[in-house]
Amino acid sequence: MMIVKRIDVTPINEFSPETGGSGKVSFITDTGDMIFDCQVKPGRDAEKRNPMLAFISEAMRQVQRMPEYRISKSYVKFAPGVLPEGFAS
């Protein structure tokens, strides 16, 4: 199991609800980093979230597609206080 102790979000293109945006999300753990290239599409979901939540949601969508996660839903956990307020896990 990996315990994420910090999340770094680096936008590459400016984010707006009308255009979406792209960026990198890093889940920092004691054993290494998981880095995701994220593309947030424009639309209703993007309008409801701030850019950080939108990028983290996209990274979590990618985690859920990983075989390691599908085999054991406990593959990735977050340390207390790591996920930003408003994130529905």
C-alpha atoms as a PDB file:
ATOM      1  CA  MET A   1       0.000   0.000   0.000  1.00  0.00           C
ATOM      2  CA  MET A   2       1.182   3.508  -0.791  1.00  0.00           C
ATOM      3  CA  ILE A   3       0.407   6.352   1.607  1.00  0.00           C
ATOM      4  CA  VAL A   4       0.377   9.718  -0.127  1.00  0.00           C
ATOM      5  CA  LYS A   5       1.895  12.358   2.130  1.00  0.00           C
ATOM      6  CA  ARG A   6       1.797  15.323  -0.237  1.00  0.00           C
ATOM      7  CA  ILE A   7       0.116  16.281  -3.514  1.00  0.00           C
ATOM      8  CA  ASP A   8       1.740  18.694  -5.983  1.00  0.00           C
ATOM      9  CA  VAL A   9      -0.299  20.137  -8.855  1.00  0.00           C
ATOM     10  CA  THR A  10       1.543  21.893 -11.689  1.00  0.00           C
ATOM     11  CA  PRO A  11      -0.737  23.405 -14.338  1.00  0.00           C
ATOM     12  CA  ILE A  12       0.767  23.417 -17.838  1.00  0.00           C
ATOM     13  CA  ASN A  13      -2.020  25.323 -19.594  1.00  0.00           C
ATOM     14  CA  GLU A  14      -4.111  27.943 -17.833  1.00  0.00           C
ATOM     15  CA  PHE A  15      -7.285  26.413 -16.453  1.00  0.00           C
ATOM     16  CA  SER A  16     -10.745  27.853 -16.985  1.00  0.00           C
ATOM     17  CA  PRO A  17     -14.166  26.184 -16.852  1.00  0.00           C
ATOM     18  CA  GLU A  18     -14.714  27.144 -20.501  1.00  0.00           C
ATOM     19  CA  THR A  19     -11.475  25.668 -21.848  1.00  0.00           C
ATOM     20  CA  GLY A  20     -10.411  23.146 -19.208  1.00  0.00           C
ATOM     21  CA  GLY A  21      -6.662  22.767 -18.883  1.00  0.00           C
ATOM     22  CA  SER A  22      -3.751  20.375 -18.568  1.00  0.00           C
ATOM     23  CA  GLY A  23      -1.164  19.785 -15.915  1.00  0.00           C
ATOM     24  CA  LYS A  24       0.804  17.306 -13.860  1.00  0.00           C
ATOM     25  CA  VAL A  25      -0.254  15.869 -10.525  1.00  0.00           C
ATOM     26  CA  SER A  26       2.324  14.224  -8.262  1.00  0.00           C
ATOM     27  CA  PHE A  27       1.357  11.976  -5.371  1.00  0.00           C
ATOM     28  CA  ILE A  28       4.411  12.042  -3.076  1.00  0.00           C
ATOM     29  CA  THR A  29       5.044   8.960  -0.893  1.00  0.00           C
ATOM     30  CA  ASP A  30       7.913   7.651   1.213  1.00  0.00           C
ATOM     31  CA  THR A  31       8.739   5.063  -1.454  1.00  0.00           C
ATOM     32  CA  GLY A  32       8.543   7.317  -4.508  1.00  0.00           C
ATOM     33  CA  ASP A  33       6.273   9.518  -6.541  1.00  0.00           C
ATOM     34  CA  MET A  34       3.351   8.771  -8.821  1.00  0.00           C
ATOM     35  CA  ILE A  35       3.144  11.424 -11.535  1.00  0.00           C
ATOM     36  CA  PHE A  36       0.082  11.790 -13.741  1.00  0.00           C
ATOM     37  CA  ASP A  37      -0.393  13.850 -16.901  1.00  0.00           C
ATOM     38  CA  CYS A  38      -3.888  15.245 -16.482  1.00  0.00           C
ATOM     39  CA  GLN A  39      -6.246  16.817 -18.977  1.00  0.00           C
ATOM     40  CA  VAL A  40      -9.333  18.454 -17.483  1.00  0.00           C
ATOM     41  CA  LYS A  41     -12.011  18.931 -20.101  1.00  0.00           C
ATOM     42  CA  PRO A  42     -14.324  21.930 -20.146  1.00  0.00           C
ATOM     43  CA  GLY A  43     -17.866  21.505 -19.033  1.00  0.00           C
ATOM     44  CA  ARG A  44     -20.154  21.214 -16.100  1.00  0.00           C
ATOM     45  CA  ASP A  45     -17.797  19.217 -13.847  1.00  0.00           C
ATOM     46  CA  ALA A  46     -14.943  21.669 -14.321  1.00  0.00           C
ATOM     47  CA  GLU A  47     -17.210  24.599 -13.479  1.00  0.00           C
ATOM     48  CA  LYS A  48     -18.119  23.125 -10.110  1.00  0.00           C
ATOM     49  CA  ARG A  49     -14.532  22.605  -8.938  1.00  0.00           C
ATOM     50  CA  ASN A  50     -11.496  24.716  -8.529  1.00  0.00           C
ATOM     51  CA  PRO A  51      -8.513  23.748 -10.712  1.00  0.00           C
ATOM     52  CA  MET A  52      -6.701  21.869  -7.929  1.00  0.00           C
ATOM     53  CA  LEU A  53      -9.720  19.666  -7.214  1.00  0.00           C
ATOM     54  CA  ALA A  54     -10.296  19.072 -10.917  1.00  0.00           C
ATOM     55  CA  PHE A  55      -6.693  17.941 -11.505  1.00  0.00           C
ATOM     56  CA  ILE A  56      -6.664  15.717  -8.398  1.00  0.00           C
ATOM     57  CA  SER A  57      -9.971  14.153  -9.469  1.00  0.00           C
ATOM     58  CA  GLU A  58      -8.484  13.356 -12.882  1.00  0.00           C
ATOM     59  CA  ALA A  59      -5.388  11.821 -11.251  1.00  0.00           C
ATOM     60  CA  MET A  60      -7.620   9.670  -9.018  1.00  0.00           C
ATOM     61  CA  ARG A  61      -9.579   8.544 -12.081  1.00  0.00           C
ATOM     62  CA  GLN A  62      -6.282   7.360 -13.555  1.00  0.00           C
ATOM     63  CA  VAL A  63      -5.308   5.592 -10.303  1.00  0.00           C
ATOM     64  CA  GLN A  64      -8.586   3.702 -10.337  1.00  0.00           C
ATOM     65  CA  ARG A  65      -7.708   2.303 -13.771  1.00  0.00           C
ATOM     66  CA  MET A  66      -4.374   0.909 -12.559  1.00  0.00           C
ATOM     67  CA  PRO A  67      -4.351  -2.909 -12.192  1.00  0.00           C
ATOM     68  CA  GLU A  68      -2.794  -2.598  -8.735  1.00  0.00           C
ATOM     69  CA  TYR A  69      -5.744  -0.521  -7.569  1.00  0.00           C
ATOM     70  CA  ARG A  70      -8.385  -2.733  -9.180  1.00  0.00           C
ATOM     71  CA  ILE A  71      -6.925  -5.818  -7.470  1.00  0.00           C
ATOM     72  CA  SER A  72      -6.732  -4.172  -4.046  1.00  0.00           C
ATOM     73  CA  LYS A  73      -8.791  -1.043  -3.452  1.00  0.00           C
ATOM     74  CA  SER A  74      -6.415  -0.195  -0.574  1.00  0.00           C
ATOM     75  CA  TYR A  75      -3.423   0.288  -2.935  1.00  0.00           C
ATOM     76  CA  VAL A  76      -3.419   4.085  -2.470  1.00  0.00           C
ATOM     77  CA  LYS A  77      -4.315   5.830   0.783  1.00  0.00           C
ATOM     78  CA  PHE A  78      -3.935   9.478   1.757  1.00  0.00           C
ATOM     79  CA  ALA A  79      -2.425  10.704   4.998  1.00  0.00           C
ATOM     80  CA  PRO A  80      -4.783  12.825   7.103  1.00  0.00           C
ATOM     81  CA  GLY A  81      -5.072  16.374   5.806  1.00  0.00           C
ATOM     82  CA  VAL A  82      -3.477  15.665   2.401  1.00  0.00           C
ATOM     83  CA  LEU A  83      -6.624  15.886   0.302  1.00  0.00           C
ATOM     84  CA  PRO A  84      -7.869  19.444  -0.090  1.00  0.00           C
ATOM     85  CA  GLU A  85     -11.110  20.525   1.517  1.00  0.00           C
ATOM     86  CA  GLY A  86     -14.025  19.814  -0.759  1.00  0.00           C
ATOM     87  CA  PHE A  87     -12.527  16.699  -2.339  1.00  0.00           C
ATOM     88  CA  ALA A  88     -15.000  13.818  -2.337  1.00  0.00           C
ATOM     89  CA  SER A  89     -12.954  10.614  -2.223  1.00  0.00           C
END
